[in-house]
């Protein structure tokens, strides 16, 4: 498991940042589908397809009809899994 930095206020964050996102990925922050797509460098439609197929990062909904949200820690887990996949197939 990779080390993660703890910020001044005690929230965990990751020193990695999304290519086009430009800020650290906060573990407990809830990201929208479009924000998550930017972080993962995939299209919104790809993220929706993954969600419908039960793949990709875990989804959080605050109530049943709420729009999907993605916790930063689940986005980081998806990025870590992709890194492992790439290494195995190199």
C-alpha atoms as a PDB file:
ATOM      1  CA  UNK A   1       0.000   0.000   0.000  1.00  0.00           C
ATOM      2  CA  UNK A   2       1.266   3.468  -0.846  1.00  0.00           C
ATOM      3  CA  UNK A   3       1.814   6.092   1.834  1.00  0.00           C
ATOM      4  CA  UNK A   4      -0.587   8.985   1.895  1.00  0.00           C
ATOM      5  CA  UNK A   5       0.031  12.366   3.384  1.00  0.00           C
ATOM      6  CA  UNK A   6      -2.093  13.853   6.175  1.00  0.00           C
ATOM      7  CA  UNK A   7      -2.961  17.526   5.849  1.00  0.00           C
ATOM      8  CA  UNK A   8      -2.949  20.076   8.669  1.00  0.00           C
ATOM      9  CA  UNK A   9      -6.636  19.583   9.476  1.00  0.00           C
ATOM     10  CA  UNK A  10      -6.243  15.814   9.805  1.00  0.00           C
ATOM     11  CA  UNK A  11      -7.936  14.933   6.494  1.00  0.00           C
ATOM     12  CA  UNK A  12      -6.030  12.369   4.529  1.00  0.00           C
ATOM     13  CA  UNK A  13      -5.046  13.406   1.072  1.00  0.00           C
ATOM     14  CA  UNK A  14      -2.867  11.954  -1.609  1.00  0.00           C
ATOM     15  CA  UNK A  15       0.110  13.804  -2.965  1.00  0.00           C
ATOM     16  CA  UNK A  16      -0.784  12.484  -6.411  1.00  0.00           C
ATOM     17  CA  UNK A  17      -3.056  14.673  -8.444  1.00  0.00           C
ATOM     18  CA  UNK A  18      -5.022  13.987 -11.557  1.00  0.00           C
ATOM     19  CA  UNK A  19      -3.291  14.960 -14.772  1.00  0.00           C
ATOM     20  CA  UNK A  20      -5.762  17.713 -15.623  1.00  0.00           C
ATOM     21  CA  UNK A  21      -7.300  18.128 -12.180  1.00  0.00           C
ATOM     22  CA  UNK A  22      -4.309  19.825 -10.605  1.00  0.00           C
ATOM     23  CA  UNK A  23      -5.106  19.353  -6.893  1.00  0.00           C
ATOM     24  CA  UNK A  24      -4.475  16.515  -4.435  1.00  0.00           C
ATOM     25  CA  UNK A  25      -7.154  13.852  -4.326  1.00  0.00           C
ATOM     26  CA  UNK A  26      -8.826  13.956  -0.903  1.00  0.00           C
ATOM     27  CA  UNK A  27      -9.716  10.534   0.500  1.00  0.00           C
ATOM     28  CA  UNK A  28     -13.085  11.467   1.985  1.00  0.00           C
ATOM     29  CA  UNK A  29     -14.225  14.038  -0.568  1.00  0.00           C
ATOM     30  CA  UNK A  30     -17.174  13.058  -2.751  1.00  0.00           C
ATOM     31  CA  UNK A  31     -16.490  13.763  -6.427  1.00  0.00           C
ATOM     32  CA  UNK A  32     -19.124  14.093  -9.153  1.00  0.00           C
ATOM     33  CA  UNK A  33     -19.101  11.830 -12.201  1.00  0.00           C
ATOM     34  CA  UNK A  34     -17.460  14.525 -14.328  1.00  0.00           C
ATOM     35  CA  UNK A  35     -14.809  15.233 -11.682  1.00  0.00           C
ATOM     36  CA  UNK A  36     -14.104  11.502 -11.301  1.00  0.00           C
ATOM     37  CA  UNK A  37     -13.814  11.110 -15.073  1.00  0.00           C
ATOM     38  CA  UNK A  38     -11.216  13.892 -15.181  1.00  0.00           C
ATOM     39  CA  UNK A  39      -9.266  12.338 -12.295  1.00  0.00           C
ATOM     40  CA  UNK A  40      -9.265   8.914 -13.984  1.00  0.00           C
ATOM     41  CA  UNK A  41      -8.596  10.406 -17.457  1.00  0.00           C
ATOM     42  CA  UNK A  42     -11.612   8.667 -18.976  1.00  0.00           C
ATOM     43  CA  UNK A  43     -14.796   9.961 -20.527  1.00  0.00           C
ATOM     44  CA  UNK A  44     -17.979  10.470 -18.527  1.00  0.00           C
ATOM     45  CA  UNK A  45     -19.693   7.854 -20.709  1.00  0.00           C
ATOM     46  CA  UNK A  46     -16.940   5.328 -19.877  1.00  0.00           C
ATOM     47  CA  UNK A  47     -17.407   5.946 -16.166  1.00  0.00           C
ATOM     48  CA  UNK A  48     -21.196   5.533 -16.529  1.00  0.00           C
ATOM     49  CA  UNK A  49     -20.728   2.291 -18.477  1.00  0.00           C
ATOM     50  CA  UNK A  50     -18.364   0.946 -15.820  1.00  0.00           C
ATOM     51  CA  UNK A  51     -20.943   1.832 -13.150  1.00  0.00           C
ATOM     52  CA  UNK A  52     -23.716   0.009 -15.048  1.00  0.00           C
ATOM     53  CA  UNK A  53     -21.451  -3.033 -15.528  1.00  0.00           C
ATOM     54  CA  UNK A  54     -20.379  -3.084 -11.866  1.00  0.00           C
ATOM     55  CA  UNK A  55     -16.786  -2.183 -12.752  1.00  0.00           C
ATOM     56  CA  UNK A  56     -14.572   0.758 -11.918  1.00  0.00           C
ATOM     57  CA  UNK A  57     -14.474   2.674  -8.636  1.00  0.00           C
ATOM     58  CA  UNK A  58     -17.113   2.144  -5.955  1.00  0.00           C
ATOM     59  CA  UNK A  59     -20.077   4.516  -6.080  1.00  0.00           C
ATOM     60  CA  UNK A  60     -21.596   6.374  -3.124  1.00  0.00           C
ATOM     61  CA  UNK A  61     -25.159   7.675  -3.140  1.00  0.00           C
ATOM     62  CA  UNK A  62     -26.373   9.829  -0.283  1.00  0.00           C
ATOM     63  CA  UNK A  63     -29.922   8.554  -0.843  1.00  0.00           C
ATOM     64  CA  UNK A  64     -31.401   6.131  -3.436  1.00  0.00           C
ATOM     65  CA  UNK A  65     -32.295   8.710  -6.098  1.00  0.00           C
ATOM     66  CA  UNK A  66     -29.210  10.886  -5.526  1.00  0.00           C
ATOM     67  CA  UNK A  67     -26.662  11.290  -8.311  1.00  0.00           C
ATOM     68  CA  UNK A  68     -23.643   9.005  -8.009  1.00  0.00           C
ATOM     69  CA  UNK A  69     -20.602  10.308  -6.175  1.00  0.00           C
ATOM     70  CA  UNK A  70     -17.124   8.845  -5.936  1.00  0.00           C
ATOM     71  CA  UNK A  71     -15.018   8.986  -2.775  1.00  0.00           C
ATOM     72  CA  UNK A  72     -11.445  10.041  -3.361  1.00  0.00           C
ATOM     73  CA  UNK A  73     -10.135   6.875  -1.714  1.00  0.00           C
ATOM     74  CA  UNK A  74     -12.103   4.742  -4.220  1.00  0.00           C
ATOM     75  CA  UNK A  75     -10.715   6.752  -7.130  1.00  0.00           C
ATOM     76  CA  UNK A  76      -7.202   6.222  -5.772  1.00  0.00           C
ATOM     77  CA  UNK A  77      -7.886   2.486  -5.419  1.00  0.00           C
ATOM     78  CA  UNK A  78      -8.991   2.400  -9.070  1.00  0.00           C
ATOM     79  CA  UNK A  79      -5.813   4.223 -10.115  1.00  0.00           C
ATOM     80  CA  UNK A  80      -3.679   1.822  -8.057  1.00  0.00           C
ATOM     81  CA  UNK A  81      -5.447  -1.196  -9.614  1.00  0.00           C
ATOM     82  CA  UNK A  82      -4.812   0.204 -13.096  1.00  0.00           C
ATOM     83  CA  UNK A  83      -1.111   0.641 -12.278  1.00  0.00           C
ATOM     84  CA  UNK A  84      -0.864  -2.993 -11.177  1.00  0.00           C
ATOM     85  CA  UNK A  85      -2.690  -4.121 -14.317  1.00  0.00           C
ATOM     86  CA  UNK A  86      -0.261  -2.192 -16.512  1.00  0.00           C
ATOM     87  CA  UNK A  87       2.760  -3.661 -14.735  1.00  0.00           C
ATOM     88  CA  UNK A  88       1.459  -7.234 -15.133  1.00  0.00           C
ATOM     89  CA  UNK A  89       0.878  -6.757 -18.853  1.00  0.00           C
ATOM     90  CA  UNK A  90       4.108  -4.914 -19.618  1.00  0.00           C
END
